[in-house]
Amino acid sequence: MSDSSELDEGHRRFPPPWTVEPIQVKDANGQSLAYVYGRETQADADIAHVLTMDEARRVASNIAKLPNYLAANPEAHD
């Protein structure tokens, strides 16, 4: 382990503040079903190999549509 002086302000490896920007999918009772994460810009998403926020919103929207899809397509349950 490294010297504690490395933990002093200005020597942190991951400086604050940290941010997390999930899009949350909830059921009618408020139970969280899914969190979809993305980055604001395409460049940030490309660097991190993750979705953009727009893509994350579309994924979350499609997750939220699953109950209606499954009700209309009973054969899809298996």
N, C-alpha and C. Protein backbone atom coordinates (compact mmCIF):
# COMPACT_ATOMS: atom_id res chain seq x y z
N MET A 1 0.84 -1.18 0.00
CA MET A 1 0.00 0.00 0.00
C MET A 1 0.88 1.24 0.00
N SER A 2 0.41 2.29 -0.59
CA SER A 2 1.22 3.50 -0.71
C SER A 2 1.13 4.36 0.54
N ASP A 3 2.03 5.29 0.61
CA ASP A 3 2.11 6.23 1.72
C ASP A 3 0.83 7.05 1.81
N SER A 4 0.37 7.34 3.02
CA SER A 4 -0.88 8.09 3.21
C SER A 4 -0.79 9.51 2.68
N SER A 5 0.41 10.04 2.52
CA SER A 5 0.54 11.39 1.98
C SER A 5 0.03 11.47 0.54
N GLU A 6 0.00 10.34 -0.16
CA GLU A 6 -0.51 10.33 -1.53
C GLU A 6 -2.02 10.54 -1.57
N LEU A 7 -2.69 10.38 -0.44
CA LEU A 7 -4.13 10.55 -0.38
C LEU A 7 -4.52 11.99 -0.09
N ASP A 8 -3.53 12.85 0.17
CA ASP A 8 -3.81 14.26 0.42
C ASP A 8 -4.49 14.87 -0.79
N GLU A 9 -5.21 15.96 -0.55
CA GLU A 9 -5.89 16.69 -1.61
C GLU A 9 -4.90 17.01 -2.73
N GLY A 10 -5.28 16.83 -3.96
CA GLY A 10 -4.42 17.11 -5.09
C GLY A 10 -3.67 15.91 -5.60
N HIS A 11 -3.62 14.82 -4.85
CA HIS A 11 -2.92 13.63 -5.28
C HIS A 11 -3.86 12.45 -5.49
N ARG A 12 -5.13 12.72 -5.58
CA ARG A 12 -6.09 11.64 -5.76
C ARG A 12 -6.04 11.14 -7.19
N ARG A 13 -6.21 9.86 -7.35
CA ARG A 13 -6.24 9.28 -8.69
C ARG A 13 -7.53 9.60 -9.41
N PHE A 14 -8.65 9.66 -8.68
CA PHE A 14 -9.97 9.88 -9.26
C PHE A 14 -10.61 11.07 -8.54
N PRO A 15 -10.30 12.27 -8.99
CA PRO A 15 -10.77 13.45 -8.26
C PRO A 15 -12.29 13.60 -8.29
N PRO A 16 -12.84 14.07 -7.19
CA PRO A 16 -14.28 14.34 -7.13
C PRO A 16 -14.59 15.61 -7.90
N PRO A 17 -15.79 15.89 -8.23
CA PRO A 17 -16.96 15.05 -7.93
C PRO A 17 -17.13 13.96 -8.98
N TRP A 18 -17.66 12.85 -8.55
CA TRP A 18 -18.01 11.76 -9.46
C TRP A 18 -19.48 11.89 -9.79
N THR A 19 -19.85 11.50 -10.99
CA THR A 19 -21.26 11.56 -11.36
C THR A 19 -21.69 10.24 -11.96
N VAL A 20 -22.93 9.90 -11.73
CA VAL A 20 -23.56 8.73 -12.32
C VAL A 20 -24.88 9.21 -12.89
N GLU A 21 -25.13 8.87 -14.12
CA GLU A 21 -26.34 9.36 -14.75
C GLU A 21 -27.15 8.19 -15.29
N PRO A 22 -27.83 7.50 -14.40
CA PRO A 22 -28.65 6.39 -14.87
C PRO A 22 -30.03 6.85 -15.30
N ILE A 23 -30.64 6.03 -16.11
CA ILE A 23 -32.05 6.18 -16.41
C ILE A 23 -32.71 4.98 -15.76
N GLN A 24 -33.68 5.25 -14.92
CA GLN A 24 -34.28 4.21 -14.11
C GLN A 24 -35.63 3.80 -14.68
N VAL A 25 -35.85 2.49 -14.76
CA VAL A 25 -37.14 1.94 -15.18
C VAL A 25 -37.80 1.40 -13.92
N LYS A 26 -39.04 1.88 -13.64
CA LYS A 26 -39.78 1.46 -12.44
C LYS A 26 -41.11 0.87 -12.85
N ASP A 27 -41.65 -0.02 -11.98
CA ASP A 27 -43.00 -0.51 -12.21
C ASP A 27 -44.01 0.46 -11.61
N ALA A 28 -45.30 0.13 -11.72
CA ALA A 28 -46.36 1.03 -11.24
C ALA A 28 -46.28 1.29 -9.74
N ASN A 29 -45.66 0.40 -8.99
CA ASN A 29 -45.52 0.56 -7.54
C ASN A 29 -44.25 1.30 -7.15
N GLY A 30 -43.44 1.69 -8.12
CA GLY A 30 -42.21 2.39 -7.84
C GLY A 30 -41.00 1.48 -7.64
N GLN A 31 -41.19 0.18 -7.83
CA GLN A 31 -40.08 -0.77 -7.71
C GLN A 31 -39.12 -0.59 -8.89
N SER A 32 -37.85 -0.42 -8.59
CA SER A 32 -36.85 -0.28 -9.65
C SER A 32 -36.66 -1.62 -10.35
N LEU A 33 -36.76 -1.59 -11.66
CA LEU A 33 -36.60 -2.80 -12.47
C LEU A 33 -35.28 -2.81 -13.23
N ALA A 34 -34.83 -1.64 -13.66
CA ALA A 34 -33.60 -1.57 -14.44
C ALA A 34 -33.00 -0.18 -14.34
N TYR A 35 -31.69 -0.14 -14.43
CA TYR A 35 -30.94 1.11 -14.55
C TYR A 35 -30.15 1.00 -15.84
N VAL A 36 -30.27 2.00 -16.68
CA VAL A 36 -29.52 2.03 -17.93
C VAL A 36 -28.62 3.26 -17.88
N TYR A 37 -27.34 3.05 -18.08
CA TYR A 37 -26.37 4.13 -17.95
C TYR A 37 -25.87 4.58 -19.32
N GLY A 38 -25.50 5.84 -19.41
CA GLY A 38 -24.95 6.37 -20.64
C GLY A 38 -24.11 7.60 -20.34
N ARG A 39 -23.49 8.10 -21.38
CA ARG A 39 -22.67 9.32 -21.28
C ARG A 39 -23.31 10.39 -22.15
N GLU A 40 -23.12 11.64 -21.76
CA GLU A 40 -23.78 12.75 -22.45
C GLU A 40 -23.33 12.93 -23.89
N THR A 41 -22.06 12.78 -24.18
CA THR A 41 -21.59 13.02 -25.54
C THR A 41 -21.16 11.71 -26.20
N GLN A 42 -21.21 11.71 -27.51
CA GLN A 42 -20.78 10.54 -28.26
C GLN A 42 -19.30 10.25 -28.00
N ALA A 43 -18.51 11.31 -27.91
CA ALA A 43 -17.07 11.12 -27.66
C ALA A 43 -16.84 10.43 -26.31
N ASP A 44 -17.55 10.88 -25.27
CA ASP A 44 -17.41 10.25 -23.95
C ASP A 44 -17.88 8.80 -23.99
N ALA A 45 -18.96 8.55 -24.70
CA ALA A 45 -19.48 7.18 -24.81
C ALA A 45 -18.50 6.29 -25.57
N ASP A 46 -17.90 6.82 -26.62
CA ASP A 46 -16.94 6.05 -27.40
C ASP A 46 -15.70 5.70 -26.57
N ILE A 47 -15.22 6.67 -25.81
CA ILE A 47 -14.04 6.43 -24.98
C ILE A 47 -14.31 5.35 -23.94
N ALA A 48 -15.50 5.40 -23.32
CA ALA A 48 -15.84 4.44 -22.26
C ALA A 48 -16.46 3.15 -22.80
N HIS A 49 -16.72 3.10 -24.10
CA HIS A 49 -17.35 1.94 -24.73
C HIS A 49 -18.72 1.65 -24.10
N VAL A 50 -19.51 2.72 -23.96
CA VAL A 50 -20.85 2.62 -23.38
C VAL A 50 -21.85 3.35 -24.27
N LEU A 51 -23.10 3.34 -23.87
CA LEU A 51 -24.16 4.02 -24.60
C LEU A 51 -24.10 5.53 -24.39
N THR A 52 -24.68 6.26 -25.34
CA THR A 52 -24.94 7.68 -25.10
C THR A 52 -26.21 7.77 -24.26
N MET A 53 -26.49 8.94 -23.69
CA MET A 53 -27.71 9.10 -22.91
C MET A 53 -28.95 8.91 -23.79
N ASP A 54 -28.89 9.34 -25.04
CA ASP A 54 -30.01 9.15 -25.95
C ASP A 54 -30.26 7.66 -26.19
N GLU A 55 -29.20 6.91 -26.42
CA GLU A 55 -29.34 5.46 -26.60
C GLU A 55 -29.87 4.80 -25.33
N ALA A 56 -29.36 5.25 -24.18
CA ALA A 56 -29.82 4.69 -22.90
C ALA A 56 -31.30 4.96 -22.68
N ARG A 57 -31.75 6.16 -23.04
CA ARG A 57 -33.19 6.48 -22.92
C ARG A 57 -34.03 5.58 -23.82
N ARG A 58 -33.55 5.32 -25.03
CA ARG A 58 -34.29 4.45 -25.94
C ARG A 58 -34.34 3.02 -25.43
N VAL A 59 -33.24 2.53 -24.86
CA VAL A 59 -33.23 1.18 -24.28
C VAL A 59 -34.22 1.12 -23.11
N ALA A 60 -34.17 2.12 -22.23
CA ALA A 60 -35.09 2.15 -21.08
C ALA A 60 -36.54 2.22 -21.55
N SER A 61 -36.80 2.99 -22.58
CA SER A 61 -38.15 3.09 -23.12
C SER A 61 -38.64 1.75 -23.63
N ASN A 62 -37.77 1.02 -24.30
CA ASN A 62 -38.15 -0.30 -24.81
C ASN A 62 -38.34 -1.31 -23.67
N ILE A 63 -37.55 -1.22 -22.63
CA ILE A 63 -37.75 -2.09 -21.47
C ILE A 63 -39.13 -1.83 -20.88
N ALA A 64 -39.50 -0.54 -20.76
CA ALA A 64 -40.79 -0.17 -20.19
C ALA A 64 -41.97 -0.65 -21.04
N LYS A 65 -41.74 -0.89 -22.31
CA LYS A 65 -42.81 -1.37 -23.21
C LYS A 65 -43.00 -2.88 -23.14
N LEU A 66 -42.12 -3.60 -22.47
CA LEU A 66 -42.20 -5.07 -22.44
C LEU A 66 -43.53 -5.63 -21.94
N PRO A 67 -44.12 -5.10 -20.86
CA PRO A 67 -45.40 -5.68 -20.41
C PRO A 67 -46.48 -5.64 -21.49
N ASN A 68 -46.58 -4.52 -22.20
CA ASN A 68 -47.58 -4.43 -23.28
C ASN A 68 -47.26 -5.38 -24.42
N TYR A 69 -45.99 -5.50 -24.76
CA TYR A 69 -45.59 -6.41 -25.82
C TYR A 69 -45.91 -7.85 -25.45
N LEU A 70 -45.57 -8.23 -24.23
CA LEU A 70 -45.82 -9.62 -23.80
C LEU A 70 -47.31 -9.92 -23.71
N ALA A 71 -48.11 -8.94 -23.31
CA ALA A 71 -49.56 -9.14 -23.24
C ALA A 71 -50.14 -9.34 -24.65
N ALA A 72 -49.59 -8.64 -25.62
CA ALA A 72 -50.09 -8.73 -27.00
C ALA A 72 -49.50 -9.91 -27.76
N ASN A 73 -48.44 -10.50 -27.24
CA ASN A 73 -47.75 -11.61 -27.90
C ASN A 73 -47.48 -12.75 -26.92
N PRO A 74 -48.52 -13.49 -26.53
CA PRO A 74 -48.35 -14.53 -25.53
C PRO A 74 -47.30 -15.58 -25.91
N GLU A 75 -47.09 -15.79 -27.20
CA GLU A 75 -46.10 -16.77 -27.63
C GLU A 75 -44.66 -16.34 -27.31
N ALA A 76 -44.48 -15.07 -27.00
CA ALA A 76 -43.15 -14.54 -26.69
C ALA A 76 -42.72 -14.83 -25.26
N HIS A 77 -43.60 -15.36 -24.44
CA HIS A 77 -43.29 -15.63 -23.04
C HIS A 77 -42.26 -16.73 -22.86
N ASP A 78 -42.15 -17.64 -23.78
CA ASP A 78 -41.26 -18.79 -23.60
C ASP A 78 -39.86 -18.48 -23.90
